[in-house]
N, C-alpha and C. Protein backbone atom coordinates (compact mmCIF):
# COMPACT_ATOMS: atom_id res chain seq x y z
N MET A 1 -6.53 -8.21 12.47
CA MET A 1 -7.69 -9.07 12.69
C MET A 1 -8.92 -8.38 12.09
N THR A 2 -9.75 -9.14 11.41
CA THR A 2 -10.92 -8.56 10.76
C THR A 2 -12.05 -8.37 11.76
N ASN A 3 -12.99 -7.51 11.38
CA ASN A 3 -14.16 -7.32 12.24
C ASN A 3 -14.94 -8.61 12.40
N GLN A 4 -14.96 -9.43 11.36
CA GLN A 4 -15.67 -10.70 11.43
C GLN A 4 -15.02 -11.61 12.48
N ALA A 5 -13.71 -11.64 12.52
CA ALA A 5 -13.02 -12.47 13.51
C ALA A 5 -13.29 -11.97 14.92
N VAL A 6 -13.27 -10.66 15.10
CA VAL A 6 -13.56 -10.07 16.41
C VAL A 6 -14.99 -10.41 16.82
N LEU A 7 -15.92 -10.27 15.89
CA LEU A 7 -17.32 -10.58 16.19
C LEU A 7 -17.47 -12.06 16.55
N GLN A 8 -16.82 -12.94 15.79
CA GLN A 8 -16.88 -14.37 16.06
C GLN A 8 -16.37 -14.67 17.47
N ARG A 9 -15.27 -14.06 17.84
CA ARG A 9 -14.69 -14.28 19.17
C ARG A 9 -15.65 -13.80 20.26
N GLU A 10 -16.29 -12.64 20.03
CA GLU A 10 -17.23 -12.11 21.01
C GLU A 10 -18.46 -13.00 21.14
N ILE A 11 -18.95 -13.51 20.01
CA ILE A 11 -20.12 -14.39 20.03
C ILE A 11 -19.80 -15.66 20.82
N GLU A 12 -18.61 -16.17 20.64
CA GLU A 12 -18.21 -17.39 21.33
C GLU A 12 -18.14 -17.22 22.84
N THR A 13 -18.01 -15.98 23.31
CA THR A 13 -17.95 -15.75 24.76
C THR A 13 -19.33 -15.60 25.38
N LEU A 14 -20.37 -15.55 24.57
CA LEU A 14 -21.74 -15.40 25.10
C LEU A 14 -22.22 -16.70 25.75
N PRO A 15 -23.04 -16.54 26.78
CA PRO A 15 -23.65 -17.75 27.36
C PRO A 15 -24.54 -18.44 26.31
N ILE A 16 -24.65 -19.74 26.40
CA ILE A 16 -25.34 -20.55 25.40
C ILE A 16 -26.80 -20.14 25.22
N GLN A 17 -27.44 -19.63 26.25
CA GLN A 17 -28.86 -19.27 26.13
C GLN A 17 -29.09 -18.10 25.16
N TYR A 18 -28.03 -17.38 24.80
CA TYR A 18 -28.17 -16.26 23.87
C TYR A 18 -27.92 -16.65 22.41
N TYR A 19 -27.47 -17.87 22.17
CA TYR A 19 -27.14 -18.28 20.80
C TYR A 19 -28.33 -18.16 19.85
N GLY A 20 -29.52 -18.54 20.31
CA GLY A 20 -30.71 -18.43 19.45
C GLY A 20 -30.96 -17.00 19.02
N GLU A 21 -30.80 -16.06 19.95
CA GLU A 21 -30.99 -14.64 19.64
C GLU A 21 -29.91 -14.15 18.66
N VAL A 22 -28.70 -14.63 18.86
CA VAL A 22 -27.60 -14.24 17.97
C VAL A 22 -27.86 -14.75 16.56
N VAL A 23 -28.30 -16.00 16.45
CA VAL A 23 -28.61 -16.57 15.14
C VAL A 23 -29.73 -15.79 14.48
N ASP A 24 -30.77 -15.44 15.25
CA ASP A 24 -31.88 -14.64 14.70
C ASP A 24 -31.38 -13.27 14.24
N PHE A 25 -30.51 -12.65 15.03
CA PHE A 25 -29.99 -11.33 14.68
C PHE A 25 -29.13 -11.40 13.43
N ILE A 26 -28.31 -12.42 13.32
CA ILE A 26 -27.48 -12.58 12.12
C ILE A 26 -28.36 -12.82 10.90
N GLY A 27 -29.42 -13.59 11.07
CA GLY A 27 -30.37 -13.80 9.97
C GLY A 27 -31.02 -12.48 9.56
N TYR A 28 -31.37 -11.66 10.55
CA TYR A 28 -31.95 -10.34 10.27
C TYR A 28 -30.96 -9.47 9.49
N LEU A 29 -29.70 -9.46 9.94
CA LEU A 29 -28.68 -8.66 9.25
C LEU A 29 -28.47 -9.15 7.82
N ARG A 30 -28.46 -10.46 7.63
CA ARG A 30 -28.30 -11.03 6.29
C ARG A 30 -29.46 -10.60 5.39
N HIS A 31 -30.68 -10.65 5.94
CA HIS A 31 -31.87 -10.24 5.17
C HIS A 31 -31.78 -8.76 4.79
N LYS A 32 -31.40 -7.91 5.74
CA LYS A 32 -31.28 -6.46 5.46
C LYS A 32 -30.21 -6.21 4.40
N ALA A 33 -29.11 -6.94 4.45
CA ALA A 33 -28.05 -6.77 3.46
C ALA A 33 -28.54 -7.18 2.08
N GLN A 34 -29.31 -8.25 2.01
CA GLN A 34 -29.86 -8.69 0.72
C GLN A 34 -30.84 -7.66 0.17
N GLN A 35 -31.70 -7.12 1.04
CA GLN A 35 -32.66 -6.11 0.61
C GLN A 35 -31.95 -4.86 0.11
N THR A 36 -30.89 -4.46 0.79
CA THR A 36 -30.12 -3.29 0.37
C THR A 36 -29.47 -3.55 -0.98
N ALA A 37 -28.93 -4.75 -1.18
CA ALA A 37 -28.29 -5.08 -2.45
C ALA A 37 -29.31 -5.07 -3.59
N ILE A 38 -30.51 -5.60 -3.33
CA ILE A 38 -31.56 -5.62 -4.34
C ILE A 38 -31.98 -4.20 -4.69
N LYS A 39 -32.15 -3.36 -3.66
CA LYS A 39 -32.57 -1.97 -3.88
C LYS A 39 -31.51 -1.22 -4.68
N THR A 40 -30.25 -1.39 -4.31
CA THR A 40 -29.15 -0.73 -5.01
C THR A 40 -29.10 -1.19 -6.46
N SER A 41 -29.25 -2.48 -6.67
CA SER A 41 -29.22 -3.02 -8.02
C SER A 41 -30.37 -2.46 -8.85
N SER A 42 -31.55 -2.37 -8.26
CA SER A 42 -32.71 -1.82 -8.96
C SER A 42 -32.49 -0.36 -9.34
N GLN A 43 -31.95 0.41 -8.41
CA GLN A 43 -31.68 1.83 -8.69
C GLN A 43 -30.65 1.98 -9.80
N GLU A 44 -29.63 1.14 -9.80
CA GLU A 44 -28.62 1.20 -10.85
C GLU A 44 -29.21 0.84 -12.20
N GLN A 45 -30.10 -0.16 -12.22
CA GLN A 45 -30.75 -0.54 -13.47
C GLN A 45 -31.63 0.59 -13.99
N ILE A 46 -32.35 1.27 -13.11
CA ILE A 46 -33.19 2.40 -13.52
C ILE A 46 -32.32 3.50 -14.11
N ARG A 47 -31.20 3.83 -13.42
CA ARG A 47 -30.29 4.86 -13.93
C ARG A 47 -29.74 4.48 -15.30
N GLU A 48 -29.38 3.22 -15.47
CA GLU A 48 -28.85 2.76 -16.76
C GLU A 48 -29.89 2.90 -17.86
N ARG A 49 -31.15 2.53 -17.58
CA ARG A 49 -32.20 2.65 -18.60
C ARG A 49 -32.46 4.12 -18.93
N GLU A 50 -32.46 4.99 -17.91
CA GLU A 50 -32.68 6.41 -18.16
C GLU A 50 -31.55 6.98 -19.00
N LEU A 51 -30.32 6.60 -18.69
CA LEU A 51 -29.17 7.08 -19.46
C LEU A 51 -29.22 6.59 -20.89
N GLU A 52 -29.61 5.33 -21.08
CA GLU A 52 -29.76 4.80 -22.44
C GLU A 52 -30.80 5.60 -23.22
N CYS A 53 -31.91 5.93 -22.56
CA CYS A 53 -32.98 6.69 -23.21
C CYS A 53 -32.49 8.09 -23.59
N ILE A 54 -31.79 8.74 -22.67
CA ILE A 54 -31.26 10.07 -22.94
C ILE A 54 -30.27 10.01 -24.10
N ASN A 55 -29.35 9.06 -24.05
CA ASN A 55 -28.35 8.94 -25.11
C ASN A 55 -28.99 8.61 -26.45
N CYS A 56 -30.05 7.81 -26.41
CA CYS A 56 -30.73 7.44 -27.64
C CYS A 56 -31.33 8.67 -28.33
N HIS A 57 -31.78 9.63 -27.53
CA HIS A 57 -32.44 10.82 -28.07
C HIS A 57 -31.56 12.07 -27.97
N ALA A 58 -30.28 11.89 -27.68
CA ALA A 58 -29.39 13.03 -27.44
C ALA A 58 -29.32 13.97 -28.64
N ASP A 59 -29.15 13.45 -29.84
CA ASP A 59 -29.05 14.31 -31.02
C ASP A 59 -30.32 15.14 -31.20
N GLU A 60 -31.47 14.49 -31.04
CA GLU A 60 -32.75 15.21 -31.18
C GLU A 60 -32.89 16.28 -30.10
N LEU A 61 -32.55 15.93 -28.86
CA LEU A 61 -32.66 16.90 -27.76
C LEU A 61 -31.69 18.06 -27.96
N ASN A 62 -30.47 17.78 -28.40
CA ASN A 62 -29.49 18.84 -28.65
C ASN A 62 -29.95 19.76 -29.78
N SER A 63 -30.54 19.19 -30.81
CA SER A 63 -31.04 19.99 -31.92
C SER A 63 -32.17 20.91 -31.46
N GLU A 64 -33.09 20.36 -30.67
CA GLU A 64 -34.19 21.18 -30.15
C GLU A 64 -33.66 22.30 -29.26
N MET A 65 -32.67 21.98 -28.41
CA MET A 65 -32.12 23.00 -27.53
C MET A 65 -31.41 24.09 -28.34
N ALA A 66 -30.73 23.71 -29.39
CA ALA A 66 -30.06 24.70 -30.25
C ALA A 66 -31.09 25.62 -30.89
N ASP A 67 -32.22 25.06 -31.33
CA ASP A 67 -33.30 25.87 -31.91
C ASP A 67 -33.86 26.84 -30.89
N ILE A 68 -34.06 26.38 -29.68
CA ILE A 68 -34.61 27.24 -28.60
C ILE A 68 -33.64 28.37 -28.31
N LEU A 69 -32.36 28.05 -28.19
CA LEU A 69 -31.37 29.09 -27.90
C LEU A 69 -31.27 30.08 -29.04
N LEU A 70 -31.37 29.61 -30.26
CA LEU A 70 -31.34 30.50 -31.42
C LEU A 70 -32.54 31.43 -31.40
N ASP A 71 -33.73 30.88 -31.13
CA ASP A 71 -34.94 31.70 -31.04
C ASP A 71 -34.81 32.74 -29.95
N GLN A 72 -34.25 32.38 -28.81
CA GLN A 72 -34.09 33.33 -27.70
C GLN A 72 -33.11 34.44 -28.08
N SER A 73 -32.06 34.09 -28.78
CA SER A 73 -31.07 35.10 -29.14
C SER A 73 -31.64 36.07 -30.19
N LEU A 74 -32.56 35.58 -31.03
CA LEU A 74 -33.19 36.45 -32.03
C LEU A 74 -34.18 37.40 -31.40
N ASP A 75 -34.76 37.01 -30.25
CA ASP A 75 -35.75 37.85 -29.58
C ASP A 75 -35.10 39.01 -28.84
N ILE A 76 -33.80 38.96 -28.61
CA ILE A 76 -33.13 40.01 -27.84
C ILE A 76 -32.85 41.21 -28.65
């Protein structure tokens, strides 16, 4: 049995005067889940753009790092 089925069964056993509160709480949970999904999606998009930027400049960055390491090895 799924958690959703268990929850549904438990909700059905509540007195009718609590249904409004249950509906409000479920609405709150739905809103929080949507906000979490939006935040996660935004973070993933930011990571993807940063990775694209790094990959776009990877050859240049690697060349600069090689020059720095070469300079450091010559100073020793």
